[in-house]
Amino acid sequence: MNSTIFMVHFLIILYAYCQSIFSGRRIERALTDSIRMMWLSQNQTPSYRTINLLENLKSLYNELIETEIITKIKQEMNNELSDEDLNKITNHLSTQI
């Protein structure tokens, strides 16, 4: 799967969880009802099956954390975080999903 597409789908799921939407079918419905979700998804409407599949792909999630999220956190903090801090962040994110 293209990492850009995966990132968009991951953001859709993350935003839906922040809005207390946990069902794949409800997320799919929100993609057609919510202007914010439409903008975030770049007018892509993955089916609920795709959404549920992505929710279960732990390895891709871990890869995303390492390659995208941790890198952005380092940039935001001007590389001032220690390895211990980064490990704490990674562990916390891994336990949340």
Protein backbone atom coordinates (compact mmCIF):
# COMPACT_ATOMS: atom_id res chain seq x y z
CA MET A 1 0.00 0.00 0.00
CA ASN A 2 1.28 3.44 -0.88
CA SER A 3 2.47 5.19 2.29
CA THR A 4 0.62 8.41 1.38
CA ILE A 5 -2.67 6.56 1.03
CA PHE A 6 -2.01 4.70 4.26
CA MET A 7 -1.25 7.98 6.03
CA VAL A 8 -4.54 9.50 4.81
CA HIS A 9 -6.47 6.43 5.97
CA PHE A 10 -4.65 6.47 9.29
CA LEU A 11 -5.57 10.13 9.78
CA ILE A 12 -9.19 9.32 8.97
CA ILE A 13 -9.24 6.62 11.65
CA LEU A 14 -7.43 8.81 14.15
CA TYR A 15 -9.83 11.72 13.60
CA ALA A 16 -12.83 9.40 13.82
CA TYR A 17 -11.58 8.01 17.13
CA CYS A 18 -11.17 11.57 18.41
CA GLN A 19 -14.82 12.15 17.49
CA SER A 20 -15.85 8.94 19.35
CA ILE A 21 -16.63 7.10 16.13
CA PHE A 22 -15.28 3.57 16.44
CA SER A 23 -17.35 1.53 13.99
CA GLY A 24 -16.03 1.04 10.46
CA ARG A 25 -19.50 1.59 9.02
CA ARG A 26 -20.00 4.79 11.01
CA ILE A 27 -16.58 6.05 9.86
CA GLU A 28 -17.56 5.29 6.26
CA ARG A 29 -20.84 7.21 6.75
CA ALA A 30 -18.98 10.15 8.32
CA LEU A 31 -16.75 10.35 5.24
CA THR A 32 -19.81 11.32 3.19
CA ASP A 33 -21.58 13.42 5.86
CA SER A 34 -18.83 15.45 7.51
CA ILE A 35 -17.09 18.27 5.64
CA ARG A 36 -14.07 17.87 7.92
CA MET A 37 -13.81 14.16 7.16
CA MET A 38 -14.18 14.83 3.42
CA TRP A 39 -11.36 17.35 3.55
CA LEU A 40 -9.16 15.09 5.65
CA SER A 41 -9.76 12.13 3.35
CA GLN A 42 -9.16 14.24 0.24
CA ASN A 43 -12.58 13.07 -0.98
CA GLN A 44 -11.54 9.42 -0.81
CA THR A 45 -14.22 7.17 0.61
CA PRO A 46 -12.72 3.85 1.62
CA SER A 47 -15.25 1.15 2.39
CA TYR A 48 -15.85 -0.01 5.94
CA ARG A 49 -13.97 -3.22 5.07
CA THR A 50 -10.86 -1.22 4.20
CA ILE A 51 -11.20 0.84 7.36
CA ASN A 52 -11.57 -2.28 9.51
CA LEU A 53 -8.61 -3.89 7.76
CA LEU A 54 -6.42 -0.86 8.46
CA GLU A 55 -7.46 -0.83 12.11
CA ASN A 56 -6.09 -4.35 12.45
CA LEU A 57 -2.74 -3.84 10.72
CA LYS A 58 -0.52 -3.41 13.76
CA SER A 59 2.74 -3.77 11.82
CA LEU A 60 1.88 -0.92 9.46
CA TYR A 61 0.85 1.18 12.43
CA ASN A 62 4.21 0.56 14.11
CA GLU A 63 6.02 1.43 10.89
CA LEU A 64 4.03 4.65 10.62
CA ILE A 65 4.95 5.57 14.18
CA GLU A 66 8.65 5.04 13.50
CA THR A 67 8.86 6.67 10.07
CA GLU A 68 6.37 9.51 10.27
CA ILE A 69 5.24 10.42 13.77
CA ILE A 70 8.55 10.08 15.64
CA THR A 71 10.35 11.93 12.84
CA LYS A 72 7.89 14.82 13.05
CA ILE A 73 8.13 14.92 16.84
CA LYS A 74 11.92 15.12 16.55
CA GLN A 75 11.65 17.96 14.04
CA GLU A 76 9.20 19.86 16.23
CA MET A 77 11.49 19.48 19.23
CA ASN A 78 14.64 20.34 17.22
CA ASN A 79 16.10 16.90 17.98
CA GLU A 80 16.21 17.70 21.71
CA LEU A 81 14.45 14.50 22.79
CA SER A 82 16.49 11.71 24.28
CA ASP A 83 16.16 8.10 23.15
CA GLU A 84 14.45 7.35 26.45
CA ASP A 85 11.79 10.00 25.75
CA LEU A 86 11.24 8.64 22.25
CA ASN A 87 10.86 5.11 23.62
CA LYS A 88 8.27 6.36 26.11
CA ILE A 89 6.32 8.04 23.31
CA THR A 90 6.49 4.95 21.11
CA ASN A 91 5.38 2.67 23.94
CA HIS A 92 2.52 4.98 24.83
CA LEU A 93 1.30 5.18 21.24
CA SER A 94 1.57 1.40 20.85
CA THR A 95 -0.56 0.76 23.92
CA GLN A 96 -3.24 3.23 22.84
CA ILE A 97 -4.19 1.32 19.69
